[in-house]
Amino acid sequence: MEEEIPEKLFYTITEVAEIFKVNASLIRFWEKEFDFLKPRKTAKGNRTYTKKDIENIKIVYHLVKEKGFTLQGAKEKLKQKPAQEINKNLEAIESLNKLKSFLLELKSQL
């Protein structure tokens, strides 16, 4: 997942699902499974996500979709390592991937 997140205060579940290229139903399912995924809801019951909510979803996405953990395995991993520590590792991986893309592009221009 290397897509840039647009700068907004709140995001709909559809926008979040598009960012991660998953179904909105999967995001709702993850909310039931992981206690720290708690977006605000409007009076109509629509979910509104902040940047922090998206960062939390990114952690779950990384563990389940990229690392291949089961939901139970991801929960156990989060008990062992705080979400903040996993998020720092995730940021480092994203920075390295961007650097790699830049270097490959530079190499192709030579």
N, C-alpha and C. Protein backbone atom coordinates (compact mmCIF):
# COMPACT_ATOMS: atom_id res chain seq x y z
N MET A 1 0.84 -1.17 0.00
CA MET A 1 0.00 0.00 0.00
C MET A 1 0.88 1.23 0.00
N GLU A 2 0.98 1.88 -1.14
CA GLU A 2 1.83 3.06 -1.25
C GLU A 2 1.05 4.29 -1.67
N GLU A 3 -0.26 4.24 -1.63
CA GLU A 3 -1.07 5.35 -2.08
C GLU A 3 -1.03 6.48 -1.06
N GLU A 4 -0.92 7.70 -1.58
CA GLU A 4 -0.92 8.87 -0.71
C GLU A 4 -2.33 9.12 -0.20
N ILE A 5 -2.42 9.51 1.05
CA ILE A 5 -3.71 9.81 1.66
C ILE A 5 -3.99 11.29 1.46
N PRO A 6 -5.13 11.65 0.83
CA PRO A 6 -5.42 13.07 0.63
C PRO A 6 -5.61 13.79 1.96
N GLU A 7 -5.30 15.07 1.98
CA GLU A 7 -5.40 15.86 3.22
C GLU A 7 -6.84 16.30 3.45
N LYS A 8 -7.49 15.70 4.43
CA LYS A 8 -8.85 16.05 4.82
C LYS A 8 -8.95 15.85 6.33
N LEU A 9 -9.97 16.45 6.93
CA LEU A 9 -10.21 16.23 8.35
C LEU A 9 -10.87 14.88 8.59
N PHE A 10 -11.85 14.54 7.76
CA PHE A 10 -12.59 13.30 7.92
C PHE A 10 -12.73 12.59 6.59
N TYR A 11 -12.79 11.27 6.66
CA TYR A 11 -12.91 10.43 5.48
C TYR A 11 -14.09 9.49 5.67
N THR A 12 -14.76 9.15 4.57
CA THR A 12 -15.85 8.18 4.64
C THR A 12 -15.27 6.77 4.57
N ILE A 13 -16.09 5.79 4.88
CA ILE A 13 -15.62 4.41 4.82
C ILE A 13 -15.29 4.02 3.37
N THR A 14 -16.00 4.60 2.42
CA THR A 14 -15.72 4.33 1.00
C THR A 14 -14.34 4.84 0.62
N GLU A 15 -14.00 6.05 1.07
CA GLU A 15 -12.69 6.61 0.78
C GLU A 15 -11.58 5.79 1.43
N VAL A 16 -11.80 5.34 2.66
CA VAL A 16 -10.80 4.54 3.36
C VAL A 16 -10.62 3.20 2.64
N ALA A 17 -11.72 2.60 2.23
CA ALA A 17 -11.66 1.32 1.51
C ALA A 17 -10.89 1.49 0.19
N GLU A 18 -11.07 2.61 -0.49
CA GLU A 18 -10.34 2.87 -1.74
C GLU A 18 -8.86 3.06 -1.48
N ILE A 19 -8.50 3.70 -0.39
CA ILE A 19 -7.09 3.90 -0.05
C ILE A 19 -6.39 2.56 0.10
N PHE A 20 -7.05 1.61 0.76
CA PHE A 20 -6.45 0.31 1.02
C PHE A 20 -6.79 -0.74 -0.04
N LYS A 21 -7.64 -0.35 -1.00
CA LYS A 21 -8.07 -1.26 -2.06
C LYS A 21 -8.69 -2.54 -1.49
N VAL A 22 -9.61 -2.34 -0.54
CA VAL A 22 -10.37 -3.44 0.05
C VAL A 22 -11.84 -3.04 0.06
N ASN A 23 -12.71 -3.99 0.39
CA ASN A 23 -14.13 -3.69 0.51
C ASN A 23 -14.41 -2.99 1.84
N ALA A 24 -15.44 -2.14 1.83
CA ALA A 24 -15.83 -1.45 3.06
C ALA A 24 -16.25 -2.46 4.12
N SER A 25 -16.79 -3.59 3.69
CA SER A 25 -17.23 -4.60 4.66
C SER A 25 -16.03 -5.17 5.45
N LEU A 26 -14.87 -5.24 4.81
CA LEU A 26 -13.68 -5.72 5.51
C LEU A 26 -13.26 -4.74 6.60
N ILE A 27 -13.36 -3.46 6.31
CA ILE A 27 -13.01 -2.44 7.32
C ILE A 27 -13.99 -2.54 8.50
N ARG A 28 -15.27 -2.70 8.20
CA ARG A 28 -16.25 -2.85 9.28
C ARG A 28 -15.96 -4.11 10.09
N PHE A 29 -15.57 -5.20 9.43
CA PHE A 29 -15.23 -6.44 10.12
C PHE A 29 -14.04 -6.24 11.04
N TRP A 30 -13.00 -5.57 10.54
CA TRP A 30 -11.81 -5.30 11.36
C TRP A 30 -12.17 -4.48 12.58
N GLU A 31 -13.13 -3.56 12.45
CA GLU A 31 -13.55 -2.73 13.58
C GLU A 31 -14.13 -3.60 14.70
N LYS A 32 -14.82 -4.68 14.32
CA LYS A 32 -15.38 -5.58 15.33
C LYS A 32 -14.29 -6.41 15.99
N GLU A 33 -13.24 -6.73 15.23
CA GLU A 33 -12.19 -7.61 15.72
C GLU A 33 -11.11 -6.90 16.53
N PHE A 34 -10.83 -5.63 16.22
CA PHE A 34 -9.76 -4.89 16.88
C PHE A 34 -10.35 -3.71 17.64
N ASP A 35 -10.16 -3.72 18.95
CA ASP A 35 -10.77 -2.71 19.82
C ASP A 35 -10.32 -1.29 19.53
N PHE A 36 -9.10 -1.13 19.04
CA PHE A 36 -8.57 0.23 18.84
C PHE A 36 -9.07 0.86 17.53
N LEU A 37 -9.82 0.14 16.74
CA LEU A 37 -10.42 0.71 15.52
C LEU A 37 -11.83 1.17 15.86
N LYS A 38 -11.95 2.42 16.23
CA LYS A 38 -13.24 2.98 16.63
C LYS A 38 -13.45 4.35 15.98
N PRO A 39 -13.93 4.38 14.74
CA PRO A 39 -14.19 5.68 14.12
C PRO A 39 -15.43 6.33 14.73
N ARG A 40 -15.51 7.63 14.59
CA ARG A 40 -16.70 8.34 15.05
C ARG A 40 -17.85 8.01 14.10
N LYS A 41 -19.06 8.16 14.62
CA LYS A 41 -20.24 7.96 13.80
C LYS A 41 -21.09 9.23 13.85
N THR A 42 -21.65 9.58 12.70
CA THR A 42 -22.53 10.74 12.64
C THR A 42 -23.88 10.38 13.25
N ALA A 43 -24.77 11.37 13.33
CA ALA A 43 -26.10 11.13 13.87
C ALA A 43 -26.85 10.08 13.04
N LYS A 44 -26.53 10.02 11.76
CA LYS A 44 -27.16 9.02 10.88
C LYS A 44 -26.50 7.66 10.99
N GLY A 45 -25.37 7.57 11.69
CA GLY A 45 -24.68 6.30 11.85
C GLY A 45 -23.56 6.08 10.84
N ASN A 46 -23.26 7.09 10.02
CA ASN A 46 -22.17 6.97 9.05
C ASN A 46 -20.84 7.12 9.77
N ARG A 47 -19.88 6.30 9.40
CA ARG A 47 -18.55 6.35 10.02
C ARG A 47 -17.75 7.49 9.41
N THR A 48 -17.02 8.20 10.28
CA THR A 48 -16.09 9.22 9.82
C THR A 48 -14.72 8.91 10.41
N TYR A 49 -13.74 8.83 9.55
CA TYR A 49 -12.39 8.43 9.94
C TYR A 49 -11.46 9.63 9.93
N THR A 50 -10.58 9.69 10.93
CA THR A 50 -9.54 10.72 10.98
C THR A 50 -8.25 10.10 10.47
N LYS A 51 -7.21 10.93 10.36
CA LYS A 51 -5.89 10.42 9.96
C LYS A 51 -5.42 9.34 10.93
N LYS A 52 -5.67 9.53 12.22
CA LYS A 52 -5.26 8.56 13.24
C LYS A 52 -5.98 7.23 13.03
N ASP A 53 -7.26 7.29 12.70
CA ASP A 53 -8.01 6.06 12.41
C ASP A 53 -7.41 5.33 11.22
N ILE A 54 -7.03 6.08 10.21
CA ILE A 54 -6.44 5.48 9.01
C ILE A 54 -5.09 4.87 9.33
N GLU A 55 -4.31 5.52 10.19
CA GLU A 55 -3.02 4.96 10.61
C GLU A 55 -3.23 3.63 11.34
N ASN A 56 -4.27 3.56 12.17
CA ASN A 56 -4.56 2.32 12.88
C ASN A 56 -4.98 1.21 11.91
N ILE A 57 -5.78 1.57 10.92
CA ILE A 57 -6.19 0.58 9.91
C ILE A 57 -4.97 0.13 9.11
N LYS A 58 -4.06 1.06 8.87
CA LYS A 58 -2.84 0.72 8.13
C LYS A 58 -2.03 -0.34 8.87
N ILE A 59 -2.01 -0.28 10.19
CA ILE A 59 -1.29 -1.27 10.99
C ILE A 59 -1.93 -2.65 10.82
N VAL A 60 -3.26 -2.70 10.91
CA VAL A 60 -3.96 -3.97 10.74
C VAL A 60 -3.76 -4.49 9.32
N TYR A 61 -3.87 -3.60 8.34
CA TYR A 61 -3.68 -3.98 6.94
C TYR A 61 -2.29 -4.58 6.73
N HIS A 62 -1.29 -3.93 7.29
CA HIS A 62 0.10 -4.40 7.16
C HIS A 62 0.26 -5.80 7.74
N LEU A 63 -0.27 -6.00 8.94
CA LEU A 63 -0.11 -7.29 9.60
C LEU A 63 -0.87 -8.40 8.87
N VAL A 64 -2.11 -8.11 8.48
CA VAL A 64 -2.97 -9.15 7.91
C VAL A 64 -2.72 -9.36 6.42
N LYS A 65 -2.68 -8.28 5.66
CA LYS A 65 -2.58 -8.41 4.21
C LYS A 65 -1.15 -8.51 3.71
N GLU A 66 -0.24 -7.76 4.30
CA GLU A 66 1.14 -7.75 3.80
C GLU A 66 2.02 -8.80 4.48
N LYS A 67 1.85 -8.96 5.77
CA LYS A 67 2.67 -9.93 6.51
C LYS A 67 2.03 -11.31 6.57
N GLY A 68 0.74 -11.41 6.28
CA GLY A 68 0.07 -12.71 6.24
C GLY A 68 -0.36 -13.27 7.59
N PHE A 69 -0.47 -12.43 8.60
CA PHE A 69 -0.93 -12.89 9.90
C PHE A 69 -2.42 -13.22 9.84
N THR A 70 -2.84 -14.19 10.65
CA THR A 70 -4.26 -14.41 10.85
C THR A 70 -4.75 -13.29 11.76
N LEU A 71 -6.06 -13.16 11.91
CA LEU A 71 -6.57 -12.12 12.80
C LEU A 71 -6.09 -12.35 14.24
N GLN A 72 -6.13 -13.61 14.65
CA GLN A 72 -5.65 -13.93 16.01
C GLN A 72 -4.16 -13.64 16.13
N GLY A 73 -3.39 -13.98 15.10
CA GLY A 73 -1.96 -13.71 15.11
C GLY A 73 -1.66 -12.22 15.17
N ALA A 74 -2.45 -11.43 14.44
CA ALA A 74 -2.27 -9.98 14.45
C ALA A 74 -2.59 -9.42 15.84
N LYS A 75 -3.64 -9.94 16.47
CA LYS A 75 -3.99 -9.49 17.82
C LYS A 75 -2.86 -9.79 18.80
N GLU A 76 -2.29 -10.99 18.69
CA GLU A 76 -1.19 -11.37 19.58
C GLU A 76 0.05 -10.51 19.33
N LYS A 77 0.32 -10.22 18.06
CA LYS A 77 1.46 -9.37 17.71
C LYS A 77 1.29 -7.98 18.32
N LEU A 78 0.07 -7.47 18.26
CA LEU A 78 -0.20 -6.15 18.83
C LEU A 78 -0.11 -6.16 20.35
N LYS A 79 -0.34 -7.30 20.98
CA LYS A 79 -0.16 -7.39 22.43
C LYS A 79 1.33 -7.37 22.78
N GLN A 80 2.14 -8.01 21.92
CA GLN A 80 3.59 -8.07 22.16
C GLN A 80 4.25 -6.73 21.87
N LYS A 81 3.90 -6.13 20.75
CA LYS A 81 4.48 -4.86 20.32
C LYS A 81 3.38 -3.82 20.26
N PRO A 82 3.58 -2.68 20.88
CA PRO A 82 2.56 -1.63 20.80
C PRO A 82 2.36 -1.16 19.35
N ALA A 83 1.17 -0.69 19.06
CA ALA A 83 0.83 -0.23 17.72
C ALA A 83 1.76 0.89 17.27
N GLN A 84 2.19 1.73 18.21
CA GLN A 84 3.08 2.84 17.85
C GLN A 84 4.41 2.32 17.31
N GLU A 85 4.92 1.26 17.90
CA GLU A 85 6.19 0.69 17.45
C GLU A 85 6.05 0.06 16.07
N ILE A 86 4.94 -0.62 15.85
CA ILE A 86 4.68 -1.21 14.53
C ILE A 86 4.52 -0.10 13.50
N ASN A 87 3.86 0.99 13.89
CA ASN A 87 3.65 2.11 12.98
C ASN A 87 4.99 2.74 12.58
N LYS A 88 5.93 2.85 13.52
CA LYS A 88 7.26 3.39 13.21
C LYS A 88 7.97 2.49 12.20
N ASN A 89 7.88 1.18 12.40
CA ASN A 89 8.48 0.24 11.45
C ASN A 89 7.83 0.37 10.08
N LEU A 90 6.53 0.54 10.07
CA LEU A 90 5.79 0.69 8.81
C LEU A 90 6.23 1.95 8.08
N GLU A 91 6.42 3.04 8.80
CA GLU A 91 6.88 4.30 8.20
C GLU A 91 8.27 4.13 7.61
N ALA A 92 9.13 3.41 8.30
CA ALA A 92 10.48 3.17 7.80
C ALA A 92 10.44 2.34 6.51
N ILE A 93 9.59 1.34 6.48
CA ILE A 93 9.45 0.51 5.28
C ILE A 93 8.95 1.35 4.11
N GLU A 94 7.96 2.21 4.35
CA GLU A 94 7.43 3.06 3.29
C GLU A 94 8.50 4.02 2.77
N SER A 95 9.30 4.59 3.67
CA SER A 95 10.38 5.49 3.26
C SER A 95 11.41 4.75 2.39
N LEU A 96 11.76 3.55 2.81
CA LEU A 96 12.71 2.76 2.03
C LEU A 96 12.15 2.37 0.66
N ASN A 97 10.87 2.07 0.60
CA ASN A 97 10.25 1.74 -0.69
C ASN A 97 10.24 2.95 -1.62
N LYS A 98 9.99 4.13 -1.08
CA LYS A 98 10.02 5.35 -1.89
C LYS A 98 11.44 5.62 -2.40
N LEU A 99 12.41 5.42 -1.53
CA LEU A 99 13.81 5.60 -1.92
C LEU A 99 14.19 4.61 -3.01
N LYS A 100 13.77 3.37 -2.86
CA LYS A 100 14.05 2.34 -3.85
C LYS A 100 13.44 2.72 -5.20
N SER A 101 12.19 3.18 -5.20
CA SER A 101 11.54 3.60 -6.44
C SER A 101 12.30 4.74 -7.10
N PHE A 102 12.72 5.71 -6.29
CA PHE A 102 13.47 6.84 -6.81
C PHE A 102 14.79 6.39 -7.44
N LEU A 103 15.50 5.50 -6.73
CA LEU A 103 16.79 5.02 -7.24
C LEU A 103 16.62 4.20 -8.52
N LEU A 104 15.57 3.38 -8.59
CA LEU A 104 15.32 2.61 -9.80
C LEU A 104 14.98 3.52 -10.98
N GLU A 105 14.22 4.56 -10.70
CA GLU A 105 13.90 5.52 -11.75
C GLU A 105 15.15 6.26 -12.22
N LEU A 106 15.99 6.64 -11.27
CA LEU A 106 17.24 7.32 -11.58
C LEU A 106 18.14 6.41 -12.42
N LYS A 107 18.22 5.16 -12.05
CA LYS A 107 19.03 4.17 -12.78
C LYS A 107 18.54 4.02 -14.22
N SER A 108 17.23 4.00 -14.41
CA SER A 108 16.69 3.83 -15.76
C SER A 108 16.96 5.06 -16.64
N GLN A 109 17.16 6.21 -16.02
CA GLN A 109 17.45 7.42 -16.79
C GLN A 109 18.92 7.51 -17.18
N LEU A 110 19.78 6.73 -16.58
CA LEU A 110 21.22 6.76 -16.89
C LEU A 110 21.54 6.00 -18.14
